[in-house]
């Protein structure tokens, strides 16, 4: 079992927010360029037969996004329909 198997369970809204946080972080890591090479990003995220990803850093960035979205501090800043995420 690896860290991806022990992450908190997310609601659909939290999963969406985690995706947004992940993509924002990838954009920052890409030097803030206005576009990201989606094919390259997906290649980094591709799963290997042993359960790892092509770029372990991409998985760690996603794990960080999940922890951020699941944190009470992050959730306390959400407004409107997102406040219950």
Protein backbone atom coordinates (compact mmCIF):
# COMPACT_ATOMS: atom_id res chain seq x y z
CA UNK A 1 0.00 0.00 0.00
CA UNK A 2 1.35 3.43 -0.88
CA UNK A 3 0.37 6.94 0.13
CA UNK A 4 -2.24 7.20 -2.64
CA UNK A 5 -4.16 4.40 -0.92
CA UNK A 6 -4.24 6.15 2.46
CA UNK A 7 -5.45 9.61 1.44
CA UNK A 8 -8.64 11.12 2.85
CA UNK A 9 -11.82 10.40 0.94
CA UNK A 10 -13.06 13.41 -1.01
CA UNK A 11 -16.51 14.57 -2.01
CA UNK A 12 -16.96 15.27 -5.72
CA UNK A 13 -16.56 19.01 -5.00
CA UNK A 14 -13.36 18.40 -3.05
CA UNK A 15 -12.03 16.20 -5.87
CA UNK A 16 -12.74 19.00 -8.35
CA UNK A 17 -10.98 21.53 -6.11
CA UNK A 18 -8.01 19.16 -5.71
CA UNK A 19 -7.75 18.97 -9.50
CA UNK A 20 -7.78 22.78 -9.71
CA UNK A 21 -5.10 23.09 -7.00
CA UNK A 22 -3.01 20.44 -8.76
CA UNK A 23 -3.24 22.22 -12.13
CA UNK A 24 -2.48 25.62 -10.54
CA UNK A 25 0.63 24.10 -8.94
CA UNK A 26 1.70 22.52 -12.24
CA UNK A 27 1.28 25.93 -13.88
CA UNK A 28 3.52 27.50 -11.23
CA UNK A 29 6.10 24.73 -11.65
CA UNK A 30 6.01 25.40 -15.39
CA UNK A 31 7.20 28.94 -14.76
CA UNK A 32 3.74 30.46 -14.89
CA UNK A 33 3.50 30.12 -18.65
CA UNK A 34 -0.08 30.79 -19.76
CA UNK A 35 -0.41 27.29 -21.21
CA UNK A 36 0.54 23.79 -20.12
CA UNK A 37 1.36 20.97 -22.50
CA UNK A 38 -1.50 18.65 -21.61
CA UNK A 39 0.08 15.69 -23.41
CA UNK A 40 3.28 16.15 -21.43
CA UNK A 41 1.37 16.45 -18.17
CA UNK A 42 -0.61 13.29 -18.90
CA UNK A 43 2.61 11.47 -19.79
CA UNK A 44 4.02 12.44 -16.37
CA UNK A 45 0.89 11.09 -14.70
CA UNK A 46 0.80 7.79 -16.63
CA UNK A 47 0.67 4.77 -14.38
CA UNK A 48 3.31 2.06 -14.55
CA UNK A 49 2.74 -1.68 -14.06
CA UNK A 50 4.24 -1.50 -10.57
CA UNK A 51 1.69 1.12 -9.48
CA UNK A 52 4.07 4.08 -9.69
CA UNK A 53 3.73 7.01 -12.06
CA UNK A 54 6.07 8.02 -14.87
CA UNK A 55 7.01 11.09 -12.82
CA UNK A 56 6.71 10.47 -9.07
CA UNK A 57 6.76 14.23 -8.57
CA UNK A 58 3.41 14.55 -10.34
CA UNK A 59 1.84 12.08 -7.92
CA UNK A 60 3.35 13.94 -4.96
CA UNK A 61 1.97 17.23 -6.28
CA UNK A 62 -1.48 15.64 -6.51
CA UNK A 63 -1.18 14.20 -2.99
CA UNK A 64 -0.29 17.68 -1.72
CA UNK A 65 -3.37 19.09 -3.50
CA UNK A 66 -5.61 16.52 -1.81
CA UNK A 67 -4.19 17.31 1.63
CA UNK A 68 -4.61 21.03 0.99
CA UNK A 69 -8.26 20.72 -0.08
CA UNK A 70 -9.05 18.40 2.85
CA UNK A 71 -7.55 20.80 5.39
CA UNK A 72 -9.88 22.80 7.64
CA UNK A 73 -7.94 25.98 6.82
CA UNK A 74 -8.59 25.62 3.08
CA UNK A 75 -12.24 24.68 3.59
CA UNK A 76 -12.79 27.68 5.88
CA UNK A 77 -11.98 30.02 2.97
CA UNK A 78 -14.61 28.55 0.63
CA UNK A 79 -17.79 30.53 0.02
CA UNK A 80 -21.23 29.93 -1.41
CA UNK A 81 -22.05 26.43 -2.63
CA UNK A 82 -18.37 25.50 -2.27
CA UNK A 83 -18.40 26.18 1.49
CA UNK A 84 -19.70 22.68 2.19
CA UNK A 85 -16.96 21.00 0.15
